[in-house]
Amino acid sequence: MAIKATIFKCELTISNLERHYYQTHNLTIARHPSETDERMMLRILMFTIYASEQMEMTKGISTDNEPDLWQKSLSGEIEHWIELGQPDEKRLRQASGRAQQVTLLTYGGNAPEVWWKQNQNKLSAIRNLSVFSISDEQSKALAEVAERSMRLQATLDGEHIWLTAGEQSLELSLETFMEAQP
């Protein structure tokens, strides 16, 4: 018998000072049995950074032809494709053909640096791709706040993200490997 996804509920209040986006989102997250708390919380982090009324979490890890998050237009076109991890160059190239904007967040110790050095030249040709990394220390700290029922408050200002969960407060930032070209 297959193990079912674990359901997490998150009330996420976002104050993005740079984008002037102030909203509360009630998220229901189905965490795949093979997904870690760390990865799930990184999906929430990326939702926080790029939040909009159309941004949604997909089936993600359990579906090959979907990203971890996406934003679609009202007519169904993919406006923003968001991936986590260290996917192969072919997947990112395909995503860039399907979406107006592609964003990748790499994580996992030294793996992002190694992955970036191996793929930087090939990926630099993808004009609508942005690649970021989060330190292992920060992603592990983020995993520590995961609970089945969460109330998160996030404030974003420039490159800084402050996340509060109950008594815990985290300051997070992403390292930029590459930004999409206009």
N, C-alpha and C. Protein backbone atom coordinates (compact mmCIF):
# COMPACT_ATOMS: atom_id res chain seq x y z
N MET A 1 0.84 -1.18 0.00
CA MET A 1 0.00 0.00 0.00
C MET A 1 0.89 1.25 0.00
N ALA A 2 0.56 2.18 -0.87
CA ALA A 2 1.36 3.41 -1.01
C ALA A 2 1.13 4.34 0.19
N ILE A 3 2.19 4.99 0.58
CA ILE A 3 2.10 5.98 1.65
C ILE A 3 1.53 7.26 1.06
N LYS A 4 0.57 7.85 1.74
CA LYS A 4 -0.07 9.06 1.24
C LYS A 4 0.69 10.30 1.67
N ALA A 5 0.40 11.39 0.98
CA ALA A 5 1.01 12.68 1.31
C ALA A 5 0.54 13.13 2.69
N THR A 6 1.38 13.87 3.37
CA THR A 6 1.04 14.47 4.66
C THR A 6 0.57 15.90 4.39
N ILE A 7 -0.56 16.25 4.96
CA ILE A 7 -1.13 17.58 4.72
C ILE A 7 -0.66 18.55 5.80
N PHE A 8 -0.17 19.70 5.35
CA PHE A 8 0.25 20.79 6.23
C PHE A 8 -0.62 22.00 5.91
N LYS A 9 -0.97 22.75 6.93
CA LYS A 9 -1.72 23.99 6.76
C LYS A 9 -0.83 25.14 7.21
N CYS A 10 -0.86 26.20 6.43
CA CYS A 10 0.00 27.35 6.74
C CYS A 10 -0.76 28.64 6.49
N GLU A 11 -0.87 29.45 7.53
CA GLU A 11 -1.38 30.80 7.37
C GLU A 11 -0.15 31.69 7.23
N LEU A 12 0.04 32.24 6.04
CA LEU A 12 1.24 32.98 5.69
C LEU A 12 0.89 34.44 5.45
N THR A 13 1.39 35.31 6.31
CA THR A 13 1.16 36.74 6.16
C THR A 13 2.44 37.36 5.59
N ILE A 14 2.29 38.01 4.43
CA ILE A 14 3.44 38.54 3.70
C ILE A 14 3.37 40.06 3.66
N SER A 15 4.51 40.67 4.00
CA SER A 15 4.68 42.11 3.83
C SER A 15 5.94 42.29 2.99
N ASN A 16 5.74 42.50 1.69
CA ASN A 16 6.86 42.70 0.78
C ASN A 16 6.98 44.20 0.53
N LEU A 17 7.94 44.81 1.21
CA LEU A 17 8.08 46.26 1.16
C LEU A 17 8.54 46.76 -0.20
N GLU A 18 9.30 45.98 -0.91
CA GLU A 18 9.80 46.38 -2.23
C GLU A 18 8.71 46.31 -3.30
N ARG A 19 7.92 45.26 -3.27
CA ARG A 19 6.85 45.08 -4.27
C ARG A 19 5.53 45.69 -3.83
N HIS A 20 5.45 46.20 -2.60
CA HIS A 20 4.21 46.74 -2.03
C HIS A 20 3.10 45.69 -2.08
N TYR A 21 3.46 44.50 -1.66
CA TYR A 21 2.51 43.38 -1.64
C TYR A 21 2.28 42.99 -0.19
N TYR A 22 1.03 43.14 0.27
CA TYR A 22 0.67 42.86 1.66
C TYR A 22 -0.56 41.97 1.63
N GLN A 23 -0.38 40.71 2.01
CA GLN A 23 -1.47 39.75 1.85
C GLN A 23 -1.29 38.58 2.81
N THR A 24 -2.40 37.98 3.17
CA THR A 24 -2.37 36.73 3.94
C THR A 24 -2.88 35.62 3.04
N HIS A 25 -2.12 34.54 2.98
CA HIS A 25 -2.48 33.37 2.18
C HIS A 25 -2.68 32.19 3.12
N ASN A 26 -3.74 31.45 2.91
CA ASN A 26 -3.97 30.21 3.63
C ASN A 26 -3.60 29.07 2.70
N LEU A 27 -2.45 28.46 2.97
CA LEU A 27 -1.91 27.41 2.10
C LEU A 27 -2.21 26.03 2.67
N THR A 28 -2.58 25.12 1.79
CA THR A 28 -2.68 23.71 2.13
C THR A 28 -1.59 23.03 1.31
N ILE A 29 -0.65 22.40 1.99
CA ILE A 29 0.50 21.82 1.32
C ILE A 29 0.47 20.31 1.50
N ALA A 30 0.48 19.60 0.40
CA ALA A 30 0.57 18.14 0.43
C ALA A 30 2.05 17.78 0.30
N ARG A 31 2.65 17.34 1.41
CA ARG A 31 4.06 16.97 1.38
C ARG A 31 4.17 15.50 0.97
N HIS A 32 4.78 15.28 -0.17
CA HIS A 32 4.99 13.93 -0.69
C HIS A 32 5.80 13.12 0.32
N PRO A 33 5.56 11.81 0.44
CA PRO A 33 6.30 11.00 1.42
C PRO A 33 7.83 11.09 1.28
N SER A 34 8.32 11.34 0.07
CA SER A 34 9.77 11.43 -0.11
C SER A 34 10.31 12.84 0.08
N GLU A 35 9.42 13.80 0.33
CA GLU A 35 9.86 15.18 0.51
C GLU A 35 10.18 15.44 1.98
N THR A 36 11.25 16.18 2.22
CA THR A 36 11.65 16.52 3.59
C THR A 36 10.96 17.82 4.04
N ASP A 37 10.98 18.05 5.35
CA ASP A 37 10.48 19.32 5.87
C ASP A 37 11.26 20.48 5.27
N GLU A 38 12.56 20.29 5.10
CA GLU A 38 13.41 21.34 4.54
C GLU A 38 12.92 21.76 3.16
N ARG A 39 12.69 20.78 2.29
CA ARG A 39 12.26 21.08 0.93
C ARG A 39 10.88 21.73 0.92
N MET A 40 9.98 21.23 1.76
CA MET A 40 8.64 21.81 1.83
C MET A 40 8.71 23.27 2.29
N MET A 41 9.54 23.55 3.28
CA MET A 41 9.67 24.92 3.77
C MET A 41 10.32 25.83 2.72
N LEU A 42 11.20 25.27 1.91
CA LEU A 42 11.78 26.06 0.82
C LEU A 42 10.73 26.39 -0.24
N ARG A 43 9.78 25.49 -0.44
CA ARG A 43 8.66 25.82 -1.35
C ARG A 43 7.86 26.98 -0.78
N ILE A 44 7.63 26.95 0.53
CA ILE A 44 6.90 28.06 1.17
C ILE A 44 7.71 29.36 1.06
N LEU A 45 9.01 29.27 1.23
CA LEU A 45 9.87 30.45 1.09
C LEU A 45 9.75 31.04 -0.32
N MET A 46 9.82 30.20 -1.33
CA MET A 46 9.72 30.71 -2.71
C MET A 46 8.33 31.28 -2.98
N PHE A 47 7.30 30.68 -2.41
CA PHE A 47 5.96 31.24 -2.52
C PHE A 47 5.96 32.64 -1.91
N THR A 48 6.59 32.77 -0.76
CA THR A 48 6.65 34.05 -0.04
C THR A 48 7.32 35.13 -0.90
N ILE A 49 8.43 34.78 -1.52
CA ILE A 49 9.19 35.75 -2.30
C ILE A 49 8.43 36.21 -3.54
N TYR A 50 7.74 35.28 -4.21
CA TYR A 50 7.08 35.59 -5.48
C TYR A 50 5.56 35.60 -5.37
N ALA A 51 5.03 35.74 -4.19
CA ALA A 51 3.59 35.63 -3.95
C ALA A 51 2.77 36.52 -4.86
N SER A 52 1.65 35.96 -5.28
CA SER A 52 0.62 36.69 -6.01
C SER A 52 -0.67 35.88 -5.86
N GLU A 53 -1.75 36.44 -6.31
CA GLU A 53 -3.02 35.73 -6.23
C GLU A 53 -3.03 34.48 -7.13
N GLN A 54 -2.22 34.49 -8.19
CA GLN A 54 -2.19 33.37 -9.12
C GLN A 54 -1.10 32.34 -8.80
N MET A 55 -0.18 32.66 -7.90
CA MET A 55 0.91 31.72 -7.57
C MET A 55 0.31 30.52 -6.84
N GLU A 56 0.74 29.32 -7.25
CA GLU A 56 0.24 28.13 -6.57
C GLU A 56 1.30 27.04 -6.52
N MET A 57 1.17 26.22 -5.49
CA MET A 57 2.04 25.06 -5.37
C MET A 57 1.44 23.96 -6.24
N THR A 58 2.31 23.22 -6.89
CA THR A 58 1.85 22.14 -7.76
C THR A 58 2.02 20.81 -7.04
N LYS A 59 1.83 19.73 -7.77
CA LYS A 59 2.09 18.41 -7.20
C LYS A 59 3.59 18.21 -7.03
N GLY A 60 4.37 19.05 -7.71
CA GLY A 60 5.81 19.12 -7.51
C GLY A 60 6.57 17.82 -7.67
N ILE A 61 7.16 17.36 -6.60
CA ILE A 61 8.09 16.25 -6.60
C ILE A 61 7.49 14.96 -7.18
N SER A 62 6.18 14.84 -7.15
CA SER A 62 5.55 13.62 -7.65
C SER A 62 5.15 13.71 -9.12
N THR A 63 5.40 14.84 -9.76
CA THR A 63 5.00 15.02 -11.15
C THR A 63 6.16 15.57 -11.96
N ASP A 64 6.53 14.85 -13.02
CA ASP A 64 7.70 15.23 -13.82
C ASP A 64 7.49 16.49 -14.66
N ASN A 65 6.27 16.73 -15.11
CA ASN A 65 6.07 17.84 -16.05
C ASN A 65 5.56 19.12 -15.38
N GLU A 66 5.69 19.20 -14.06
CA GLU A 66 5.31 20.41 -13.34
C GLU A 66 6.47 20.86 -12.46
N PRO A 67 6.56 22.17 -12.23
CA PRO A 67 7.57 22.68 -11.29
C PRO A 67 7.07 22.52 -9.85
N ASP A 68 7.79 23.08 -8.92
CA ASP A 68 7.36 23.07 -7.52
C ASP A 68 6.27 24.11 -7.28
N LEU A 69 6.37 25.24 -7.97
CA LEU A 69 5.36 26.29 -7.92
C LEU A 69 5.23 26.86 -9.32
N TRP A 70 4.07 27.43 -9.59
CA TRP A 70 3.94 28.18 -10.81
C TRP A 70 2.86 29.23 -10.69
N GLN A 71 2.97 30.18 -11.58
CA GLN A 71 1.95 31.22 -11.70
C GLN A 71 1.47 31.16 -13.13
N LYS A 72 0.17 31.00 -13.29
CA LYS A 72 -0.41 30.95 -14.62
C LYS A 72 -1.29 32.16 -14.85
N SER A 73 -1.39 32.57 -16.10
CA SER A 73 -2.29 33.67 -16.45
C SER A 73 -3.72 33.15 -16.42
N LEU A 74 -4.67 34.04 -16.51
CA LEU A 74 -6.07 33.64 -16.51
C LEU A 74 -6.41 32.76 -17.71
N SER A 75 -5.62 32.88 -18.78
CA SER A 75 -5.87 32.05 -19.96
C SER A 75 -5.04 30.77 -19.97
N GLY A 76 -4.28 30.52 -18.89
CA GLY A 76 -3.59 29.24 -18.75
C GLY A 76 -2.12 29.21 -19.12
N GLU A 77 -1.57 30.32 -19.65
CA GLU A 77 -0.15 30.34 -19.97
C GLU A 77 0.67 30.40 -18.67
N ILE A 78 1.82 29.72 -18.67
CA ILE A 78 2.68 29.72 -17.50
C ILE A 78 3.50 31.01 -17.51
N GLU A 79 3.27 31.84 -16.52
CA GLU A 79 4.01 33.10 -16.42
C GLU A 79 5.31 32.92 -15.65
N HIS A 80 5.27 32.09 -14.60
CA HIS A 80 6.46 31.92 -13.76
C HIS A 80 6.55 30.45 -13.33
N TRP A 81 7.68 29.85 -13.59
CA TRP A 81 7.97 28.44 -13.28
C TRP A 81 9.06 28.45 -12.21
N ILE A 82 8.80 27.85 -11.05
CA ILE A 82 9.77 27.86 -9.96
C ILE A 82 10.15 26.43 -9.59
N GLU A 83 11.45 26.15 -9.64
CA GLU A 83 12.01 24.83 -9.34
C GLU A 83 12.88 24.91 -8.09
N LEU A 84 13.05 23.76 -7.44
CA LEU A 84 13.98 23.62 -6.32
C LEU A 84 14.96 22.50 -6.64
N GLY A 85 16.18 22.64 -6.13
CA GLY A 85 17.15 21.55 -6.27
C GLY A 85 18.23 21.84 -7.29
N GLN A 86 18.69 20.79 -7.95
CA GLN A 86 19.72 20.89 -8.98
C GLN A 86 19.28 20.10 -10.21
N PRO A 87 18.27 20.60 -10.92
CA PRO A 87 17.77 19.88 -12.09
C PRO A 87 18.79 19.91 -13.22
N ASP A 88 18.59 19.02 -14.19
CA ASP A 88 19.50 19.04 -15.33
C ASP A 88 19.17 20.20 -16.25
N GLU A 89 20.15 20.54 -17.07
CA GLU A 89 20.04 21.69 -17.97
C GLU A 89 18.87 21.52 -18.94
N LYS A 90 18.61 20.31 -19.38
CA LYS A 90 17.51 20.04 -20.32
C LYS A 90 16.16 20.43 -19.72
N ARG A 91 15.94 20.10 -18.46
CA ARG A 91 14.67 20.45 -17.80
C ARG A 91 14.49 21.97 -17.71
N LEU A 92 15.56 22.68 -17.37
CA LEU A 92 15.47 24.14 -17.29
C LEU A 92 15.28 24.77 -18.67
N ARG A 93 15.89 24.20 -19.67
CA ARG A 93 15.71 24.70 -21.04
C ARG A 93 14.26 24.50 -21.48
N GLN A 94 13.70 23.34 -21.19
CA GLN A 94 12.29 23.07 -21.52
C GLN A 94 11.37 24.03 -20.76
N ALA A 95 11.65 24.24 -19.49
CA ALA A 95 10.84 25.15 -18.68
C ALA A 95 10.89 26.57 -19.26
N SER A 96 12.07 26.98 -19.71
CA SER A 96 12.21 28.34 -20.26
C SER A 96 11.41 28.51 -21.55
N GLY A 97 11.18 27.42 -22.26
CA GLY A 97 10.34 27.48 -23.46
C GLY A 97 8.85 27.50 -23.13
N ARG A 98 8.50 26.99 -21.97
CA ARG A 98 7.08 26.92 -21.58
C ARG A 98 6.62 28.12 -20.77
N ALA A 99 7.55 28.81 -20.10
CA ALA A 99 7.18 29.89 -19.18
C ALA A 99 7.88 31.19 -19.54
N GLN A 100 7.25 32.30 -19.18
CA GLN A 100 7.86 33.61 -19.40
C GLN A 100 9.08 33.81 -18.52
N GLN A 101 9.02 33.29 -17.29
CA GLN A 101 10.09 33.46 -16.32
C GLN A 101 10.32 32.13 -15.61
N VAL A 102 11.59 31.78 -15.42
CA VAL A 102 11.96 30.55 -14.71
C VAL A 102 12.90 30.93 -13.56
N THR A 103 12.60 30.41 -12.37
CA THR A 103 13.44 30.67 -11.20
C THR A 103 13.81 29.34 -10.57
N LEU A 104 15.08 29.22 -10.21
CA LEU A 104 15.58 28.01 -9.56
C LEU A 104 16.21 28.39 -8.23
N LEU A 105 15.86 27.64 -7.18
CA LEU A 105 16.51 27.78 -5.88
C LEU A 105 17.26 26.48 -5.61
N THR A 106 18.58 26.59 -5.51
CA THR A 106 19.40 25.43 -5.19
C THR A 106 19.68 25.42 -3.70
N TYR A 107 19.88 24.24 -3.16
CA TYR A 107 20.15 24.10 -1.72
C TYR A 107 20.84 22.76 -1.49
N GLY A 108 21.37 22.59 -0.29
CA GLY A 108 21.94 21.30 0.08
C GLY A 108 23.44 21.29 0.26
N GLY A 109 23.94 22.02 1.23
CA GLY A 109 25.37 21.98 1.55
C GLY A 109 26.22 22.57 0.44
N ASN A 110 27.23 21.81 -0.02
CA ASN A 110 28.12 22.27 -1.08
C ASN A 110 27.59 21.95 -2.47
N ALA A 111 26.53 21.17 -2.54
CA ALA A 111 25.99 20.74 -3.84
C ALA A 111 25.66 21.89 -4.79
N PRO A 112 25.06 23.00 -4.32
CA PRO A 112 24.75 24.09 -5.25
C PRO A 112 25.98 24.65 -5.95
N GLU A 113 27.07 24.84 -5.22
CA GLU A 113 28.30 25.38 -5.81
C GLU A 113 28.84 24.44 -6.89
N VAL A 114 28.89 23.16 -6.57
CA VAL A 114 29.39 22.15 -7.52
C VAL A 114 28.49 22.12 -8.75
N TRP A 115 27.16 22.06 -8.51
CA TRP A 115 26.19 22.01 -9.61
C TRP A 115 26.33 23.25 -10.49
N TRP A 116 26.47 24.43 -9.88
CA TRP A 116 26.57 25.68 -10.64
C TRP A 116 27.83 25.70 -11.51
N LYS A 117 28.96 25.27 -10.96
CA LYS A 117 30.20 25.24 -11.74
C LYS A 117 30.07 24.32 -12.95
N GLN A 118 29.34 23.22 -12.80
CA GLN A 118 29.16 22.27 -13.91
C GLN A 118 28.19 22.78 -14.96
N ASN A 119 27.25 23.62 -14.58
CA ASN A 119 26.17 24.03 -15.49
C ASN A 119 26.16 25.50 -15.89
N GLN A 120 27.00 26.30 -15.31
CA GLN A 120 26.96 27.76 -15.50
C GLN A 120 27.02 28.15 -16.98
N ASN A 121 27.96 27.60 -17.73
CA ASN A 121 28.11 27.99 -19.13
C ASN A 121 26.86 27.66 -19.95
N LYS A 122 26.29 26.48 -19.76
CA LYS A 122 25.10 26.08 -20.52
C LYS A 122 23.89 26.93 -20.12
N LEU A 123 23.75 27.20 -18.82
CA LEU A 123 22.57 27.92 -18.34
C LEU A 123 22.61 29.41 -18.64
N SER A 124 23.79 29.97 -18.83
CA SER A 124 23.89 31.41 -19.09
C SER A 124 23.21 31.81 -20.40
N ALA A 125 22.96 30.85 -21.28
CA ALA A 125 22.28 31.14 -22.55
C ALA A 125 20.76 31.24 -22.39
N ILE A 126 20.24 30.80 -21.25
CA ILE A 126 18.79 30.85 -21.02
C ILE A 126 18.45 32.23 -20.44
N ARG A 127 17.93 33.09 -21.27
CA ARG A 127 17.75 34.50 -20.91
C ARG A 127 16.67 34.74 -19.84
N ASN A 128 15.67 33.87 -19.75
CA ASN A 128 14.58 34.11 -18.78
C ASN A 128 14.75 33.29 -17.50
N LEU A 129 15.97 32.86 -17.21
CA LEU A 129 16.27 32.04 -16.04
C LEU A 129 17.02 32.84 -14.97
N SER A 130 16.54 32.70 -13.72
CA SER A 130 17.25 33.24 -12.56
C SER A 130 17.60 32.05 -11.67
N VAL A 131 18.82 32.06 -11.12
CA VAL A 131 19.27 30.97 -10.26
C VAL A 131 19.77 31.54 -8.94
N PHE A 132 19.23 31.01 -7.85
CA PHE A 132 19.59 31.45 -6.51
C PHE A 132 19.98 30.25 -5.66
N SER A 133 20.67 30.52 -4.57
CA SER A 133 21.04 29.46 -3.64
C SER A 133 20.79 29.96 -2.22
N ILE A 134 20.49 29.01 -1.33
CA ILE A 134 20.33 29.33 0.08
C ILE A 134 21.34 28.48 0.85
N SER A 135 21.93 29.07 1.86
CA SER A 135 22.94 28.35 2.63
C SER A 135 22.31 27.16 3.36
N ASP A 136 23.12 26.16 3.60
CA ASP A 136 22.67 24.97 4.30
C ASP A 136 22.18 25.33 5.70
N GLU A 137 22.88 26.22 6.36
CA GLU A 137 22.50 26.65 7.71
C GLU A 137 21.11 27.28 7.73
N GLN A 138 20.83 28.14 6.75
CA GLN A 138 19.53 28.80 6.69
C GLN A 138 18.41 27.83 6.33
N SER A 139 18.66 26.94 5.37
CA SER A 139 17.59 26.00 4.98
C SER A 139 17.29 25.01 6.10
N LYS A 140 18.30 24.60 6.84
CA LYS A 140 18.07 23.70 8.00
C LYS A 140 17.30 24.43 9.09
N ALA A 141 17.62 25.71 9.33
CA ALA A 141 16.89 26.49 10.33
C ALA A 141 15.43 26.65 9.92
N LEU A 142 15.19 26.83 8.64
CA LEU A 142 13.84 26.94 8.11
C LEU A 142 13.06 25.65 8.35
N ALA A 143 13.72 24.51 8.16
CA ALA A 143 13.07 23.21 8.37
C ALA A 143 12.64 23.04 9.82
N GLU A 144 13.36 23.67 10.74
CA GLU A 144 13.06 23.54 12.17
C GLU A 144 11.71 24.16 12.55
N VAL A 145 11.20 25.09 11.75
CA VAL A 145 9.93 25.73 12.10
C VAL A 145 8.72 25.00 11.50
N ALA A 146 8.97 23.93 10.75
CA ALA A 146 7.87 23.19 10.11
C ALA A 146 6.99 22.50 11.15
N GLU A 147 5.70 22.71 11.01
CA GLU A 147 4.69 22.05 11.84
C GLU A 147 3.49 21.76 10.97
N ARG A 148 2.66 20.83 11.39
CA ARG A 148 1.48 20.47 10.59
C ARG A 148 0.53 21.65 10.43
N SER A 149 0.49 22.52 11.42
CA SER A 149 -0.32 23.73 11.36
C SER A 149 0.58 24.90 11.72
N MET A 150 0.80 25.81 10.76
CA MET A 150 1.77 26.89 10.96
C MET A 150 1.12 28.25 10.75
N ARG A 151 1.63 29.21 11.49
CA ARG A 151 1.31 30.63 11.27
C ARG A 151 2.64 31.32 11.06
N LEU A 152 2.89 31.75 9.84
CA LEU A 152 4.16 32.38 9.50
C LEU A 152 3.90 33.83 9.12
N GLN A 153 4.82 34.69 9.54
CA GLN A 153 4.79 36.09 9.14
C GLN A 153 6.11 36.39 8.47
N ALA A 154 6.04 36.93 7.27
CA ALA A 154 7.25 37.22 6.51
C ALA A 154 7.29 38.69 6.13
N THR A 155 8.45 39.29 6.32
CA THR A 155 8.70 40.65 5.87
C THR A 155 9.88 40.59 4.92
N LEU A 156 9.69 41.14 3.73
CA LEU A 156 10.74 41.16 2.72
C LEU A 156 11.10 42.60 2.41
N ASP A 157 12.40 42.87 2.42
CA ASP A 157 12.89 44.21 2.10
C ASP A 157 14.21 44.04 1.36
N GLY A 158 14.18 44.29 0.08
CA GLY A 158 15.38 44.09 -0.73
C GLY A 158 15.80 42.64 -0.71
N GLU A 159 17.03 42.39 -0.31
CA GLU A 159 17.55 41.02 -0.30
C GLU A 159 17.32 40.31 1.02
N HIS A 160 16.67 40.95 1.96
CA HIS A 160 16.48 40.36 3.29
C HIS A 160 15.06 39.86 3.47
N ILE A 161 14.96 38.70 4.12
CA ILE A 161 13.67 38.09 4.42
C ILE A 161 13.68 37.76 5.90
N TRP A 162 12.71 38.30 6.62
CA TRP A 162 12.56 37.98 8.04
C TRP A 162 11.31 37.13 8.16
N LEU A 163 11.46 35.97 8.76
CA LEU A 163 10.35 35.03 8.91
C LEU A 163 10.15 34.75 10.39
N THR A 164 8.92 34.90 10.84
CA THR A 164 8.58 34.64 12.23
C THR A 164 7.56 33.52 12.30
N ALA A 165 7.85 32.54 13.16
CA ALA A 165 6.94 31.43 13.41
C ALA A 165 6.85 31.27 14.92
N GLY A 166 5.76 31.75 15.50
CA GLY A 166 5.63 31.70 16.96
C GLY A 166 6.73 32.51 17.62
N GLU A 167 7.52 31.86 18.46
CA GLU A 167 8.62 32.51 19.17
C GLU A 167 9.91 32.56 18.36
N GLN A 168 9.94 31.83 17.24
CA GLN A 168 11.17 31.75 16.44
C GLN A 168 11.20 32.82 15.36
N SER A 169 12.36 33.41 15.17
CA SER A 169 12.56 34.42 14.14
C SER A 169 13.80 34.07 13.34
N LEU A 170 13.69 34.13 12.03
CA LEU A 170 14.82 33.82 11.15
C LEU A 170 15.07 34.99 10.22
N GLU A 171 16.33 35.26 9.95
CA GLU A 171 16.69 36.20 8.90
C GLU A 171 17.32 35.39 7.79
N LEU A 172 16.75 35.48 6.60
CA LEU A 172 17.17 34.68 5.47
C LEU A 172 17.59 35.57 4.31
N SER A 173 18.47 35.06 3.48
CA SER A 173 18.83 35.75 2.25
C SER A 173 19.29 34.71 1.24
N LEU A 174 19.12 35.03 -0.01
CA LEU A 174 19.51 34.13 -1.09
C LEU A 174 20.75 34.67 -1.78
N GLU A 175 21.62 33.77 -2.18
CA GLU A 175 22.78 34.15 -2.99
C GLU A 175 22.36 34.08 -4.45
N THR A 176 22.70 35.11 -5.20
CA THR A 176 22.34 35.14 -6.62
C THR A 176 23.46 34.53 -7.45
N PHE A 177 23.14 33.47 -8.18
CA PHE A 177 24.10 32.89 -9.14
C PHE A 177 23.91 33.53 -10.51
N MET A 178 22.64 33.81 -10.88
CA MET A 178 22.34 34.38 -12.19
C MET A 178 20.95 35.00 -12.16
N GLU A 179 20.80 36.16 -12.80
CA GLU A 179 19.48 36.78 -12.89
C GLU A 179 19.04 36.82 -14.35
N ALA A 180 17.73 36.66 -14.54
CA ALA A 180 17.16 36.70 -15.88
C ALA A 180 17.53 38.02 -16.56
N GLN A 181 17.74 37.95 -17.86
CA GLN A 181 18.09 39.15 -18.63
C GLN A 181 16.83 39.73 -19.25
N PRO A 182 16.70 41.04 -19.21
CA PRO A 182 15.50 41.68 -19.77
C PRO A 182 15.41 41.52 -21.29
